[in-house]
C-alpha atoms as a PDB file:
ATOM      1  CA  UNK A   1     -37.422  27.520  -1.368  1.00  0.00           C
ATOM      2  CA  UNK A   2     -40.933  29.164  -1.386  1.00  0.00           C
ATOM      3  CA  UNK A   3     -43.435  27.466   0.861  1.00  0.00           C
ATOM      4  CA  UNK A   4     -47.274  27.743   0.766  1.00  0.00           C
ATOM      5  CA  UNK A   5     -49.413  26.280   3.592  1.00  0.00           C
ATOM      6  CA  UNK A   6     -52.876  25.163   2.056  1.00  0.00           C
ATOM      7  CA  UNK A   7     -54.623  24.442   5.322  1.00  0.00           C
ATOM      8  CA  UNK A   8     -54.891  27.132   8.014  1.00  0.00           C
ATOM      9  CA  UNK A   9     -57.672  28.794   9.934  1.00  0.00           C
ATOM     10  CA  UNK A  10     -58.410  32.362  10.791  1.00  0.00           C
ATOM     11  CA  UNK A  11     -61.729  33.905  12.268  1.00  0.00           C
ATOM     12  CA  UNK A  12     -63.098  37.480  12.366  1.00  0.00           C
ATOM     13  CA  UNK A  13     -61.089  39.563  14.695  1.00  0.00           C
ATOM     14  CA  UNK A  14     -63.941  40.202  17.252  1.00  0.00           C
ATOM     15  CA  UNK A  15     -64.407  36.386  17.770  1.00  0.00           C
ATOM     16  CA  UNK A  16     -61.018  35.129  16.928  1.00  0.00           C
ATOM     17  CA  UNK A  17     -59.503  34.677  20.408  1.00  0.00           C
ATOM     18  CA  UNK A  18     -62.615  33.228  22.146  1.00  0.00           C
ATOM     19  CA  UNK A  19     -63.208  30.827  19.178  1.00  0.00           C
ATOM     20  CA  UNK A  20     -59.937  29.328  19.147  1.00  0.00           C
ATOM     21  CA  UNK A  21     -59.817  29.166  22.992  1.00  0.00           C
ATOM     22  CA  UNK A  22     -63.267  27.335  22.853  1.00  0.00           C
ATOM     23  CA  UNK A  23     -62.223  25.049  20.148  1.00  0.00           C
ATOM     24  CA  UNK A  24     -58.784  24.226  21.574  1.00  0.00           C
ATOM     25  CA  UNK A  25     -60.265  23.470  25.109  1.00  0.00           C
ATOM     26  CA  UNK A  26     -62.868  21.133  23.541  1.00  0.00           C
ATOM     27  CA  UNK A  27     -60.070  19.205  21.511  1.00  0.00           C
ATOM     28  CA  UNK A  28     -57.591  19.452  24.417  1.00  0.00           C
ATOM     29  CA  UNK A  29     -55.100  21.254  22.238  1.00  0.00           C
ATOM     30  CA  UNK A  30     -53.316  24.598  22.577  1.00  0.00           C
ATOM     31  CA  UNK A  31     -53.479  27.017  19.696  1.00  0.00           C
ATOM     32  CA  UNK A  32     -50.219  28.386  18.292  1.00  0.00           C
ATOM     33  CA  UNK A  33     -51.669  31.816  17.451  1.00  0.00           C
ATOM     34  CA  UNK A  34     -54.860  33.784  18.404  1.00  0.00           C
ATOM     35  CA  UNK A  35     -56.903  32.863  15.322  1.00  0.00           C
ATOM     36  CA  UNK A  36     -56.743  36.369  13.813  1.00  0.00           C
ATOM     37  CA  UNK A  37     -55.414  37.239  10.378  1.00  0.00           C
ATOM     38  CA  UNK A  38     -52.531  39.267  11.984  1.00  0.00           C
ATOM     39  CA  UNK A  39     -51.692  36.275  14.173  1.00  0.00           C
ATOM     40  CA  UNK A  40     -51.593  33.942  11.169  1.00  0.00           C
ATOM     41  CA  UNK A  41     -49.298  36.394   9.344  1.00  0.00           C
ATOM     42  CA  UNK A  42     -46.896  36.604  12.320  1.00  0.00           C
ATOM     43  CA  UNK A  43     -46.743  32.884  12.539  1.00  0.00           C
ATOM     44  CA  UNK A  44     -46.052  32.660   8.808  1.00  0.00           C
ATOM     45  CA  UNK A  45     -43.196  35.036   9.188  1.00  0.00           C
ATOM     46  CA  UNK A  46     -41.708  33.098  12.049  1.00  0.00           C
ATOM     47  CA  UNK A  47     -41.918  29.956   9.885  1.00  0.00           C
ATOM     48  CA  UNK A  48     -40.722  31.584   6.631  1.00  0.00           C
ATOM     49  CA  UNK A  49     -43.925  30.753   4.719  1.00  0.00           C
ATOM     50  CA  UNK A  50     -44.758  32.946   1.582  1.00  0.00           C
ATOM     51  CA  UNK A  51     -48.560  32.210   1.687  1.00  0.00           C
ATOM     52  CA  UNK A  52     -51.309  30.356   3.206  1.00  0.00           C
ATOM     53  CA  UNK A  53     -55.009  29.372   2.486  1.00  0.00           C
ATOM     54  CA  UNK A  54     -57.738  30.016   5.085  1.00  0.00           C
ATOM     55  CA  UNK A  55     -60.404  27.234   5.217  1.00  0.00           C
ATOM     56  CA  UNK A  56     -63.704  28.558   6.840  1.00  0.00           C
ATOM     57  CA  UNK A  57     -66.667  26.351   7.619  1.00  0.00           C
ATOM     58  CA  UNK A  58     -70.357  27.063   7.860  1.00  0.00           C
ATOM     59  CA  UNK A  59     -71.935  24.902  10.570  1.00  0.00           C
ATOM     60  CA  UNK A  60     -75.289  25.985   9.631  1.00  0.00           C
ATOM     61  CA  UNK A  61     -76.797  27.002   6.182  1.00  0.00           C
ATOM     62  CA  UNK A  62     -77.653  30.291   7.572  1.00  0.00           C
ATOM     63  CA  UNK A  63     -73.975  31.213   8.014  1.00  0.00           C
ATOM     64  CA  UNK A  64     -72.938  30.813   4.404  1.00  0.00           C
ATOM     65  CA  UNK A  65     -73.623  34.344   3.183  1.00  0.00           C
ATOM     66  CA  UNK A  66     -71.773  36.227   6.119  1.00  0.00           C
ATOM     67  CA  UNK A  67     -68.776  33.791   6.164  1.00  0.00           C
ATOM     68  CA  UNK A  68     -68.435  34.043   2.251  1.00  0.00           C
ATOM     69  CA  UNK A  69     -68.542  37.991   2.564  1.00  0.00           C
ATOM     70  CA  UNK A  70     -65.883  37.937   5.204  1.00  0.00           C
ATOM     71  CA  UNK A  71     -63.842  35.354   3.253  1.00  0.00           C
ATOM     72  CA  UNK A  72     -63.851  37.255   0.149  1.00  0.00           C
ATOM     73  CA  UNK A  73     -62.503  40.392   2.051  1.00  0.00           C
ATOM     74  CA  UNK A  74     -59.713  38.209   3.380  1.00  0.00           C
ATOM     75  CA  UNK A  75     -58.695  36.653   0.177  1.00  0.00           C
ATOM     76  CA  UNK A  76     -55.517  38.832  -0.471  1.00  0.00           C
ATOM     77  CA  UNK A  77     -51.965  37.934  -0.385  1.00  0.00           C
ATOM     78  CA  UNK A  78     -50.316  36.528   1.785  1.00  0.00           C
ATOM     79  CA  UNK A  79     -53.374  34.909   3.019  1.00  0.00           C
ATOM     80  CA  UNK A  80     -55.863  33.639   0.479  1.00  0.00           C
ATOM     81  CA  UNK A  81     -59.173  32.170   1.463  1.00  0.00           C
ATOM     82  CA  UNK A  82     -61.547  29.577   0.413  1.00  0.00           C
ATOM     83  CA  UNK A  83     -65.351  30.190   0.817  1.00  0.00           C
ATOM     84  CA  UNK A  84     -67.804  27.765   2.250  1.00  0.00           C
ATOM     85  CA  UNK A  85     -71.265  26.100   1.633  1.00  0.00           C
ATOM     86  CA  UNK A  86     -73.428  23.850   3.561  1.00  0.00           C
ATOM     87  CA  UNK A  87     -74.798  20.621   2.211  1.00  0.00           C
ATOM     88  CA  UNK A  88     -78.401  22.091   2.819  1.00  0.00           C
ATOM     89  CA  UNK A  89     -77.686  25.328   1.079  1.00  0.00           C
ATOM     90  CA  UNK A  90     -80.343  26.008  -1.424  1.00  0.00           C
ATOM     91  CA  UNK A  91     -79.300  26.438  -5.126  1.00  0.00           C
ATOM     92  CA  UNK A  92     -75.654  25.679  -4.361  1.00  0.00           C
ATOM     93  CA  UNK A  93     -74.549  26.157  -8.030  1.00  0.00           C
ATOM     94  CA  UNK A  94     -75.510  29.846  -7.831  1.00  0.00           C
ATOM     95  CA  UNK A  95     -73.726  30.334  -4.494  1.00  0.00           C
ATOM     96  CA  UNK A  96     -70.592  28.757  -5.959  1.00  0.00           C
ATOM     97  CA  UNK A  97     -70.782  30.857  -9.149  1.00  0.00           C
ATOM     98  CA  UNK A  98     -70.929  33.891  -7.003  1.00  0.00           C
ATOM     99  CA  UNK A  99     -67.725  32.634  -5.213  1.00  0.00           C
ATOM    100  CA  UNK A 100     -65.991  32.269  -8.443  1.00  0.00           C
ATOM    101  CA  UNK A 101     -67.068  35.722  -9.407  1.00  0.00           C
ATOM    102  CA  UNK A 102     -65.521  37.133  -6.336  1.00  0.00           C
ATOM    103  CA  UNK A 103     -62.231  35.403  -6.999  1.00  0.00           C
ATOM    104  CA  UNK A 104     -62.375  32.863  -4.299  1.00  0.00           C
ATOM    105  CA  UNK A 105     -60.586  29.710  -5.389  1.00  0.00           C
ATOM    106  CA  UNK A 106     -62.898  27.096  -3.848  1.00  0.00           C
ATOM    107  CA  UNK A 107     -64.581  25.886  -0.780  1.00  0.00           C
ATOM    108  CA  UNK A 108     -63.866  23.861   2.489  1.00  0.00           C
ATOM    109  CA  UNK A 109     -66.323  21.201   3.703  1.00  0.00           C
ATOM    110  CA  UNK A 110     -66.227  19.257   6.971  1.00  0.00           C
ATOM    111  CA  UNK A 111     -68.203  16.137   7.538  1.00  0.00           C
ATOM    112  CA  UNK A 112     -68.277  16.336  11.252  1.00  0.00           C
ATOM    113  CA  UNK A 113     -69.090  19.978  11.706  1.00  0.00           C
ATOM    114  CA  UNK A 114     -71.715  19.778   8.769  1.00  0.00           C
ATOM    115  CA  UNK A 115     -73.035  16.215   9.381  1.00  0.00           C
ATOM    116  CA  UNK A 116     -72.649  14.590   6.083  1.00  0.00           C
ATOM    117  CA  UNK A 117     -70.599  11.745   4.558  1.00  0.00           C
ATOM    118  CA  UNK A 118     -68.654  12.210   1.273  1.00  0.00           C
ATOM    119  CA  UNK A 119     -71.051  10.004  -0.478  1.00  0.00           C
ATOM    120  CA  UNK A 120     -74.112  11.841   0.662  1.00  0.00           C
ATOM    121  CA  UNK A 121     -76.260  12.715  -2.459  1.00  0.00           C
ATOM    122  CA  UNK A 122     -76.748  16.442  -1.081  1.00  0.00           C
ATOM    123  CA  UNK A 123     -73.019  16.865  -2.175  1.00  0.00           C
ATOM    124  CA  UNK A 124     -73.581  15.820  -5.814  1.00  0.00           C
ATOM    125  CA  UNK A 125     -74.745  19.258  -7.005  1.00  0.00           C
ATOM    126  CA  UNK A 126     -71.962  20.929  -4.976  1.00  0.00           C
ATOM    127  CA  UNK A 127     -69.461  18.554  -6.499  1.00  0.00           C
ATOM    128  CA  UNK A 128     -70.698  19.064 -10.132  1.00  0.00           C
ATOM    129  CA  UNK A 129     -70.710  22.892  -9.697  1.00  0.00           C
ATOM    130  CA  UNK A 130     -67.179  22.886  -8.310  1.00  0.00           C
ATOM    131  CA  UNK A 131     -65.947  20.748 -11.067  1.00  0.00           C
ATOM    132  CA  UNK A 132     -67.589  22.813 -13.847  1.00  0.00           C
ATOM    133  CA  UNK A 133     -66.501  26.094 -12.396  1.00  0.00           C
ATOM    134  CA  UNK A 134     -62.937  24.883 -11.829  1.00  0.00           C
ATOM    135  CA  UNK A 135     -63.279  25.483  -8.041  1.00  0.00           C
ATOM    136  CA  UNK A 136     -61.198  23.463  -5.372  1.00  0.00           C
ATOM    137  CA  UNK A 137     -62.940  21.468  -2.846  1.00  0.00           C
ATOM    138  CA  UNK A 138     -60.995  20.899   0.184  1.00  0.00           C
ATOM    139  CA  UNK A 139     -62.429  18.184   2.380  1.00  0.00           C
ATOM    140  CA  UNK A 140     -61.693  17.290   5.851  1.00  0.00           C
ATOM    141  CA  UNK A 141     -61.053  13.454   5.754  1.00  0.00           C
ATOM    142  CA  UNK A 142     -60.865  10.905   8.568  1.00  0.00           C
ATOM    143  CA  UNK A 143     -61.193  11.270  12.199  1.00  0.00           C
ATOM    144  CA  UNK A 144     -61.329  14.435  14.087  1.00  0.00           C
ATOM    145  CA  UNK A 145     -59.671  15.155  17.470  1.00  0.00           C
ATOM    146  CA  UNK A 146     -62.600  17.397  18.331  1.00  0.00           C
ATOM    147  CA  UNK A 147     -65.359  14.788  17.877  1.00  0.00           C
ATOM    148  CA  UNK A 148     -66.106  11.270  19.180  1.00  0.00           C
ATOM    149  CA  UNK A 149     -66.965   8.198  17.050  1.00  0.00           C
ATOM    150  CA  UNK A 150     -68.422   7.226  14.702  1.00  0.00           C
ATOM    151  CA  UNK A 151     -66.869   9.527  12.090  1.00  0.00           C
ATOM    152  CA  UNK A 152     -68.537  10.588   9.016  1.00  0.00           C
ATOM    153  CA  UNK A 153     -65.415  10.879   6.502  1.00  0.00           C
ATOM    154  CA  UNK A 154     -63.775   7.564   5.604  1.00  0.00           C
ATOM    155  CA  UNK A 155     -61.298   7.041   2.705  1.00  0.00           C
ATOM    156  CA  UNK A 156     -64.067   4.904   1.052  1.00  0.00           C
ATOM    157  CA  UNK A 157     -66.434   7.780   1.113  1.00  0.00           C
ATOM    158  CA  UNK A 158     -63.982  10.082  -0.348  1.00  0.00           C
ATOM    159  CA  UNK A 159     -63.246   7.530  -3.069  1.00  0.00           C
ATOM    160  CA  UNK A 160     -66.945   7.537  -3.872  1.00  0.00           C
ATOM    161  CA  UNK A 161     -66.924  11.465  -4.144  1.00  0.00           C
ATOM    162  CA  UNK A 162     -63.801  11.144  -6.648  1.00  0.00           C
ATOM    163  CA  UNK A 163     -65.471   8.484  -8.795  1.00  0.00           C
ATOM    164  CA  UNK A 164     -68.860  10.475  -8.801  1.00  0.00           C
ATOM    165  CA  UNK A 165     -67.177  13.862 -10.072  1.00  0.00           C
ATOM    166  CA  UNK A 166     -64.355  12.993 -12.512  1.00  0.00           C
ATOM    167  CA  UNK A 167     -62.203  16.158 -13.034  1.00  0.00           C
ATOM    168  CA  UNK A 168     -63.129  17.672  -9.588  1.00  0.00           C
ATOM    169  CA  UNK A 169     -60.346  19.481  -7.861  1.00  0.00           C
ATOM    170  CA  UNK A 170     -60.683  17.503  -4.698  1.00  0.00           C
ATOM    171  CA  UNK A 171     -58.235  17.951  -1.730  1.00  0.00           C
ATOM    172  CA  UNK A 172     -58.509  15.218   1.001  1.00  0.00           C
ATOM    173  CA  UNK A 173     -57.144  16.832   4.117  1.00  0.00           C
ATOM    174  CA  UNK A 174     -54.723  14.951   6.760  1.00  0.00           C
ATOM    175  CA  UNK A 175     -53.215  12.676   4.068  1.00  0.00           C
ATOM    176  CA  UNK A 176     -56.458  11.339   2.864  1.00  0.00           C
ATOM    177  CA  UNK A 177     -58.001  10.257   6.204  1.00  0.00           C
ATOM    178  CA  UNK A 178     -56.623  11.181   9.678  1.00  0.00           C
ATOM    179  CA  UNK A 179     -55.633   8.135  11.482  1.00  0.00           C
ATOM    180  CA  UNK A 180     -57.203   5.903   8.812  1.00  0.00           C
ATOM    181  CA  UNK A 181     -53.970   5.640   6.722  1.00  0.00           C
ATOM    182  CA  UNK A 182     -54.196   1.981   6.080  1.00  0.00           C
ATOM    183  CA  UNK A 183     -57.429   2.466   4.360  1.00  0.00           C
ATOM    184  CA  UNK A 184     -56.221   5.431   2.612  1.00  0.00           C
ATOM    185  CA  UNK A 185     -53.431   3.304   1.257  1.00  0.00           C
ATOM    186  CA  UNK A 186     -55.988   0.845  -0.159  1.00  0.00           C
ATOM    187  CA  UNK A 187     -58.643   2.962  -1.409  1.00  0.00           C
ATOM    188  CA  UNK A 188     -57.139   6.586  -2.267  1.00  0.00           C
ATOM    189  CA  UNK A 189     -53.583   6.142  -3.009  1.00  0.00           C
ATOM    190  CA  UNK A 190     -53.149   6.462  -6.903  1.00  0.00           C
ATOM    191  CA  UNK A 191     -56.587   8.016  -7.413  1.00  0.00           C
ATOM    192  CA  UNK A 192     -57.059  11.616  -8.898  1.00  0.00           C
ATOM    193  CA  UNK A 193     -57.225  13.365  -5.600  1.00  0.00           C
ATOM    194  CA  UNK A 194     -54.935  15.632  -3.824  1.00  0.00           C
ATOM    195  CA  UNK A 195     -53.700  14.809  -0.351  1.00  0.00           C
ATOM    196  CA  UNK A 196     -52.645  17.532   2.003  1.00  0.00           C
ATOM    197  CA  UNK A 197     -50.173  16.568   4.853  1.00  0.00           C
ATOM    198  CA  UNK A 198     -51.778  18.418   7.693  1.00  0.00           C
ATOM    199  CA  UNK A 199     -51.806  17.415  11.171  1.00  0.00           C
ATOM    200  CA  UNK A 200     -49.917  14.182  10.419  1.00  0.00           C
ATOM    201  CA  UNK A 201     -46.402  14.702  11.427  1.00  0.00           C
ATOM    202  CA  UNK A 202     -45.186  12.438  14.325  1.00  0.00           C
ATOM    203  CA  UNK A 203     -48.349  10.393  13.914  1.00  0.00           C
ATOM    204  CA  UNK A 204     -47.595   8.473  10.698  1.00  0.00           C
ATOM    205  CA  UNK A 205     -43.913   7.015  10.314  1.00  0.00           C
ATOM    206  CA  UNK A 206     -41.758   9.268   8.343  1.00  0.00           C
ATOM    207  CA  UNK A 207     -40.825   6.627   5.887  1.00  0.00           C
ATOM    208  CA  UNK A 208     -44.280   5.832   5.253  1.00  0.00           C
ATOM    209  CA  UNK A 209     -45.272   9.313   4.459  1.00  0.00           C
ATOM    210  CA  UNK A 210     -42.480   9.410   1.764  1.00  0.00           C
ATOM    211  CA  UNK A 211     -43.391   6.038   0.430  1.00  0.00           C
ATOM    212  CA  UNK A 212     -47.020   6.719   0.207  1.00  0.00           C
ATOM    213  CA  UNK A 213     -46.622  10.052  -1.274  1.00  0.00           C
ATOM    214  CA  UNK A 214     -44.435   8.782  -4.004  1.00  0.00           C
ATOM    215  CA  UNK A 215     -46.753   5.903  -4.758  1.00  0.00           C
ATOM    216  CA  UNK A 216     -49.651   8.335  -5.018  1.00  0.00           C
ATOM    217  CA  UNK A 217     -47.729  10.752  -7.106  1.00  0.00           C
ATOM    218  CA  UNK A 218     -45.967  13.813  -5.451  1.00  0.00           C
ATOM    219  CA  UNK A 219     -47.652  16.011  -8.086  1.00  0.00           C
ATOM    220  CA  UNK A 220     -50.826  15.484  -6.047  1.00  0.00           C
ATOM    221  CA  UNK A 221     -49.518  16.068  -2.617  1.00  0.00           C
ATOM    222  CA  UNK A 222     -49.786  19.580  -1.134  1.00  0.00           C
ATOM    223  CA  UNK A 223     -48.190  21.052   2.219  1.00  0.00           C
ATOM    224  CA  UNK A 224     -50.477  22.144   4.948  1.00  0.00           C
ATOM    225  CA  UNK A 225     -50.354  22.463   8.737  1.00  0.00           C
ATOM    226  CA  UNK A 226     -53.793  23.022  10.047  1.00  0.00           C
ATOM    227  CA  UNK A 227     -52.634  25.988  12.080  1.00  0.00           C
ATOM    228  CA  UNK A 228     -53.274  27.135  14.725  1.00  0.00           C
ATOM    229  CA  UNK A 229     -53.567  23.607  15.758  1.00  0.00           C
ATOM    230  CA  UNK A 230     -49.993  22.970  14.786  1.00  0.00           C
ATOM    231  CA  UNK A 231     -47.037  25.093  14.755  1.00  0.00           C
ATOM    232  CA  UNK A 232     -46.320  26.284  11.293  1.00  0.00           C
ATOM    233  CA  UNK A 233     -42.562  26.629  12.118  1.00  0.00           C
ATOM    234  CA  UNK A 234     -42.148  23.215  13.682  1.00  0.00           C
ATOM    235  CA  UNK A 235     -44.313  21.476  10.883  1.00  0.00           C
ATOM    236  CA  UNK A 236     -42.181  23.065   8.278  1.00  0.00           C
ATOM    237  CA  UNK A 237     -39.025  21.953   9.830  1.00  0.00           C
ATOM    238  CA  UNK A 238     -40.427  18.562  10.305  1.00  0.00           C
ATOM    239  CA  UNK A 239     -41.432  18.419   6.557  1.00  0.00           C
ATOM    240  CA  UNK A 240     -37.944  19.514   5.253  1.00  0.00           C
ATOM    241  CA  UNK A 241     -36.378  16.704   7.407  1.00  0.00           C
ATOM    242  CA  UNK A 242     -38.153  13.979   5.436  1.00  0.00           C
ATOM    243  CA  UNK A 243     -36.155  12.212   2.796  1.00  0.00           C
ATOM    244  CA  UNK A 244     -37.961  13.887  -0.254  1.00  0.00           C
ATOM    245  CA  UNK A 245     -35.658  15.124  -2.946  1.00  0.00           C
ATOM    246  CA  UNK A 246     -35.441  18.873  -3.582  1.00  0.00           C
ATOM    247  CA  UNK A 247     -37.533  18.537  -6.672  1.00  0.00           C
ATOM    248  CA  UNK A 248     -40.331  16.806  -4.593  1.00  0.00           C
ATOM    249  CA  UNK A 249     -40.056  19.319  -1.828  1.00  0.00           C
ATOM    250  CA  UNK A 250     -40.573  22.177  -4.262  1.00  0.00           C
ATOM    251  CA  UNK A 251     -43.617  20.350  -5.829  1.00  0.00           C
ATOM    252  CA  UNK A 252     -45.297  19.755  -2.455  1.00  0.00           C
ATOM    253  CA  UNK A 253     -44.360  23.080  -0.746  1.00  0.00           C
ATOM    254  CA  UNK A 254     -45.216  25.385  -3.604  1.00  0.00           C
ATOM    255  CA  UNK A 255     -45.858  24.277  -7.176  1.00  0.00           C
ATOM    256  CA  UNK A 256     -48.774  21.920  -6.684  1.00  0.00           C
ATOM    257  CA  UNK A 257     -50.704  24.547  -4.661  1.00  0.00           C
ATOM    258  CA  UNK A 258     -49.901  27.179  -7.202  1.00  0.00           C
ATOM    259  CA  UNK A 259     -51.335  24.987  -9.962  1.00  0.00           C
ATOM    260  CA  UNK A 260     -54.420  24.226  -7.834  1.00  0.00           C
ATOM    261  CA  UNK A 261     -55.177  27.720  -6.744  1.00  0.00           C
ATOM    262  CA  UNK A 262     -53.956  29.615  -9.770  1.00  0.00           C
ATOM    263  CA  UNK A 263     -51.131  31.933  -8.276  1.00  0.00           C
ATOM    264  CA  UNK A 264     -47.893  32.370  -9.871  1.00  0.00           C
ATOM    265  CA  UNK A 265     -45.436  29.426  -9.354  1.00  0.00           C
ATOM    266  CA  UNK A 266     -42.270  31.455 -10.219  1.00  0.00           C
END
C-alpha cells in the first residue's frame, strides 16, 4: 500500500541541524532526524513512505522570497514542498501566482509563528487567491507544544475561514485543532475542509479517531506525521493498527493526498 506523509519539515542544509535542535529544545521534544532533506528521505525509507510534503513557514514577511526560492528547489519527488506567505506580505495574489507558476502545490500558514487568527481579514486576499489558483492552504490548527496560551487557531476560527472561502483547498492540521478535538467535533466535522492526522496518535483515543474520521468523511482525511517531531515509522505503524478498512486506509494514506496535490494516484 502506497503511503504519502502530507506534513513534514525540512530546512536548508546549512541551518537544518541547529534549527531542529533549537526548536526541539524549546518544545522539549527530540527530533527524529536532523532536519535535512537527506535525513527526511532516510526516515521515509525506514518507514516505507513513498512521498512526503515539506511545510515551510515564513516568520517574517522579509523571509518569503528566499524561503520560496528554496522550496521550489526542493519540490521534486519523493519530497514535494509547499511554499509560504506571511499575512503582511504585499500583493499576496501576485506572490501566490508566482508559486503556482513554479509548480508549487500550495502554502503553509502557522497562526502562532505568524501571529494571526484564521478569521483575520489579512487572510482574505490570501484565501481568495489560493482558491482561485487551485492552491492548497495547509494551516496549523489548535494549540502548539512550542507556545504558551492563549493560542491563535481555534476550530471556530478555522470554520470562519472555510465559510469565507467556499471551494478553498484547506487542510487543517492536527485533526482540525490540536488538543481542541471536542470543539473540532462540534465546529469542523462534516465541513468542506481536509483534516490531517499529524501529531495526534496516543493523544486522542483510537476509536474516536476512526469515528470522527468516518463522520467527517474519510475522503477529506489525509495522513501526516509532523516529522521530525514524530517518528514516521512509529506513526505509520500506529495508523495501520487503527480499525480502518483497507479502502479507508488507501484513501487516507495516498489517494486523498494525490487528489489534493495533483500527483499520480496509481
